[in-house]
N, C-alpha and C. Protein backbone atom coordinates (compact mmCIF):
# COMPACT_ATOMS: atom_id res chain seq x y z
N UNK A 1 0.83 -1.18 0.00
CA UNK A 1 0.00 0.00 0.00
C UNK A 1 0.88 1.25 0.00
N UNK A 2 0.41 2.23 -0.72
CA UNK A 2 1.14 3.50 -0.71
C UNK A 2 0.39 4.49 0.16
N UNK A 3 1.16 5.18 0.98
CA UNK A 3 0.55 6.18 1.86
C UNK A 3 0.41 7.50 1.12
N UNK A 4 -0.79 8.01 1.05
CA UNK A 4 -1.02 9.31 0.44
C UNK A 4 -1.29 10.33 1.54
N UNK A 5 -0.74 11.52 1.35
CA UNK A 5 -1.00 12.58 2.30
C UNK A 5 -2.45 13.00 2.16
N UNK A 6 -3.12 13.14 3.29
CA UNK A 6 -4.50 13.58 3.25
C UNK A 6 -4.52 15.08 2.99
N UNK A 7 -5.35 15.49 2.02
CA UNK A 7 -5.44 16.90 1.68
C UNK A 7 -6.11 17.68 2.80
N UNK A 8 -5.58 18.85 3.08
CA UNK A 8 -6.19 19.71 4.08
C UNK A 8 -7.39 20.40 3.43
N UNK A 9 -8.36 20.74 4.26
CA UNK A 9 -9.52 21.44 3.75
C UNK A 9 -9.18 22.89 3.47
N UNK A 10 -9.90 23.50 2.55
CA UNK A 10 -9.73 24.91 2.26
C UNK A 10 -8.90 25.13 1.01
N UNK A 11 -8.75 26.39 0.63
CA UNK A 11 -8.03 26.73 -0.61
C UNK A 11 -6.53 26.50 -0.46
N UNK A 12 -5.87 26.29 -1.58
CA UNK A 12 -4.41 26.18 -1.57
C UNK A 12 -3.83 27.53 -1.20
N UNK A 13 -2.84 27.53 -0.36
CA UNK A 13 -2.22 28.78 0.07
C UNK A 13 -0.84 28.90 -0.56
N UNK A 14 -0.54 30.10 -1.05
CA UNK A 14 0.77 30.36 -1.63
C UNK A 14 1.74 30.66 -0.50
N UNK A 15 2.97 30.25 -0.69
CA UNK A 15 4.01 30.50 0.30
C UNK A 15 4.20 32.00 0.49
N UNK A 16 4.12 32.47 1.72
CA UNK A 16 4.37 33.87 2.01
C UNK A 16 3.17 34.78 1.82
N UNK A 17 2.03 34.25 1.42
CA UNK A 17 0.83 35.05 1.21
C UNK A 17 -0.24 34.64 2.20
N UNK A 18 -1.04 35.60 2.60
CA UNK A 18 -2.17 35.30 3.46
C UNK A 18 -3.36 34.90 2.60
N UNK A 19 -4.33 34.29 3.21
CA UNK A 19 -5.52 33.88 2.49
C UNK A 19 -6.22 35.10 1.90
N UNK A 20 -6.80 34.93 0.71
CA UNK A 20 -7.51 36.03 0.05
C UNK A 20 -8.64 36.56 0.93
N UNK A 21 -8.81 37.87 0.87
CA UNK A 21 -9.89 38.51 1.60
C UNK A 21 -11.17 38.44 0.79
N UNK A 22 -12.29 38.37 1.47
CA UNK A 22 -13.57 38.49 0.80
C UNK A 22 -13.93 39.96 0.81
N UNK A 23 -14.05 40.56 -0.36
CA UNK A 23 -14.22 42.00 -0.48
C UNK A 23 -15.68 42.33 -0.81
N UNK A 24 -16.26 43.19 0.01
CA UNK A 24 -17.64 43.63 -0.21
C UNK A 24 -17.64 44.79 -1.22
N UNK A 25 -18.79 45.11 -1.79
CA UNK A 25 -18.86 46.20 -2.77
C UNK A 25 -18.38 47.56 -2.23
N UNK A 26 -18.67 47.86 -0.96
CA UNK A 26 -18.24 49.15 -0.41
C UNK A 26 -16.71 49.19 -0.26
N UNK A 27 -16.11 48.07 0.08
CA UNK A 27 -14.65 48.01 0.18
C UNK A 27 -14.02 48.13 -1.21
N UNK A 28 -14.63 47.48 -2.20
CA UNK A 28 -14.14 47.58 -3.58
C UNK A 28 -14.19 49.04 -4.06
N UNK A 29 -15.27 49.74 -3.70
CA UNK A 29 -15.40 51.16 -4.09
C UNK A 29 -14.30 51.98 -3.42
N UNK A 30 -14.04 51.71 -2.13
CA UNK A 30 -12.97 52.43 -1.43
C UNK A 30 -11.62 52.15 -2.07
N UNK A 31 -11.36 50.89 -2.42
CA UNK A 31 -10.10 50.55 -3.11
C UNK A 31 -9.99 51.32 -4.42
N UNK A 32 -11.07 51.35 -5.20
CA UNK A 32 -11.05 52.04 -6.49
C UNK A 32 -10.76 53.53 -6.32
N UNK A 33 -11.40 54.16 -5.33
CA UNK A 33 -11.16 55.59 -5.10
C UNK A 33 -9.72 55.86 -4.70
N UNK A 34 -9.18 55.04 -3.82
CA UNK A 34 -7.80 55.23 -3.37
C UNK A 34 -6.81 54.93 -4.49
N UNK A 35 -7.08 53.88 -5.28
CA UNK A 35 -6.18 53.56 -6.40
C UNK A 35 -6.16 54.72 -7.40
N UNK A 36 -7.31 55.34 -7.63
CA UNK A 36 -7.37 56.48 -8.56
C UNK A 36 -6.66 57.69 -7.99
N UNK A 37 -6.90 57.99 -6.71
CA UNK A 37 -6.31 59.17 -6.08
C UNK A 37 -4.79 59.09 -6.00
N UNK A 38 -4.26 57.92 -5.65
CA UNK A 38 -2.82 57.75 -5.46
C UNK A 38 -2.11 57.08 -6.65
N UNK A 39 -2.82 56.89 -7.76
CA UNK A 39 -2.27 56.26 -8.98
C UNK A 39 -1.65 54.90 -8.67
N UNK A 40 -2.43 54.04 -8.03
CA UNK A 40 -1.97 52.70 -7.67
C UNK A 40 -2.53 51.69 -8.67
N UNK A 41 -1.90 50.53 -8.73
CA UNK A 41 -2.33 49.49 -9.66
C UNK A 41 -3.04 48.33 -8.98
N UNK A 42 -2.74 48.08 -7.72
CA UNK A 42 -3.23 46.87 -7.07
C UNK A 42 -3.99 47.18 -5.78
N UNK A 43 -4.94 46.30 -5.46
CA UNK A 43 -5.69 46.45 -4.22
C UNK A 43 -4.80 46.35 -3.00
N UNK A 44 -3.73 45.57 -3.08
CA UNK A 44 -2.84 45.43 -1.93
C UNK A 44 -2.16 46.77 -1.61
N UNK A 45 -1.85 47.55 -2.64
CA UNK A 45 -1.28 48.88 -2.41
C UNK A 45 -2.31 49.80 -1.77
N UNK A 46 -3.55 49.71 -2.24
CA UNK A 46 -4.63 50.52 -1.66
C UNK A 46 -4.87 50.12 -0.22
N UNK A 47 -4.82 48.83 0.07
CA UNK A 47 -5.00 48.36 1.45
C UNK A 47 -3.91 48.91 2.36
N UNK A 48 -2.70 49.00 1.85
CA UNK A 48 -1.59 49.56 2.62
C UNK A 48 -1.87 51.03 2.96
N UNK A 49 -2.37 51.79 1.98
CA UNK A 49 -2.70 53.21 2.20
C UNK A 49 -3.82 53.32 3.24
N UNK A 50 -4.84 52.45 3.12
CA UNK A 50 -5.95 52.45 4.09
C UNK A 50 -5.41 52.21 5.49
N UNK A 51 -4.50 51.26 5.63
CA UNK A 51 -3.92 50.95 6.95
C UNK A 51 -3.14 52.14 7.49
N UNK A 52 -2.37 52.80 6.63
CA UNK A 52 -1.61 53.97 7.08
C UNK A 52 -2.55 55.08 7.54
N UNK A 53 -3.60 55.35 6.76
CA UNK A 53 -4.56 56.40 7.12
C UNK A 53 -5.27 56.06 8.43
N UNK A 54 -5.63 54.80 8.58
CA UNK A 54 -6.32 54.36 9.80
C UNK A 54 -5.42 54.52 11.01
N UNK A 55 -4.18 54.10 10.89
CA UNK A 55 -3.26 54.17 12.03
C UNK A 55 -2.93 55.61 12.42
N UNK A 56 -3.01 56.54 11.47
CA UNK A 56 -2.76 57.94 11.79
C UNK A 56 -3.91 58.52 12.60
N UNK A 57 -5.13 57.96 12.43
CA UNK A 57 -6.29 58.53 13.09
C UNK A 57 -6.49 58.01 14.50
N UNK A 58 -5.83 56.92 14.87
CA UNK A 58 -6.04 56.38 16.23
C UNK A 58 -4.91 56.79 17.16
């Protein structure tokens, strides 16, 4: 008999990346506005800006 590794439940995860976020329409709109304002290409860059703005306010 050959032993097979049992697959873990859930999506495949890339090395060094966190699991994908589930994005609601209001969050997508916020990403789009920030990407346009700061000339960004990716949602991850917009998320970084959101985090910086949030941390400045607390």
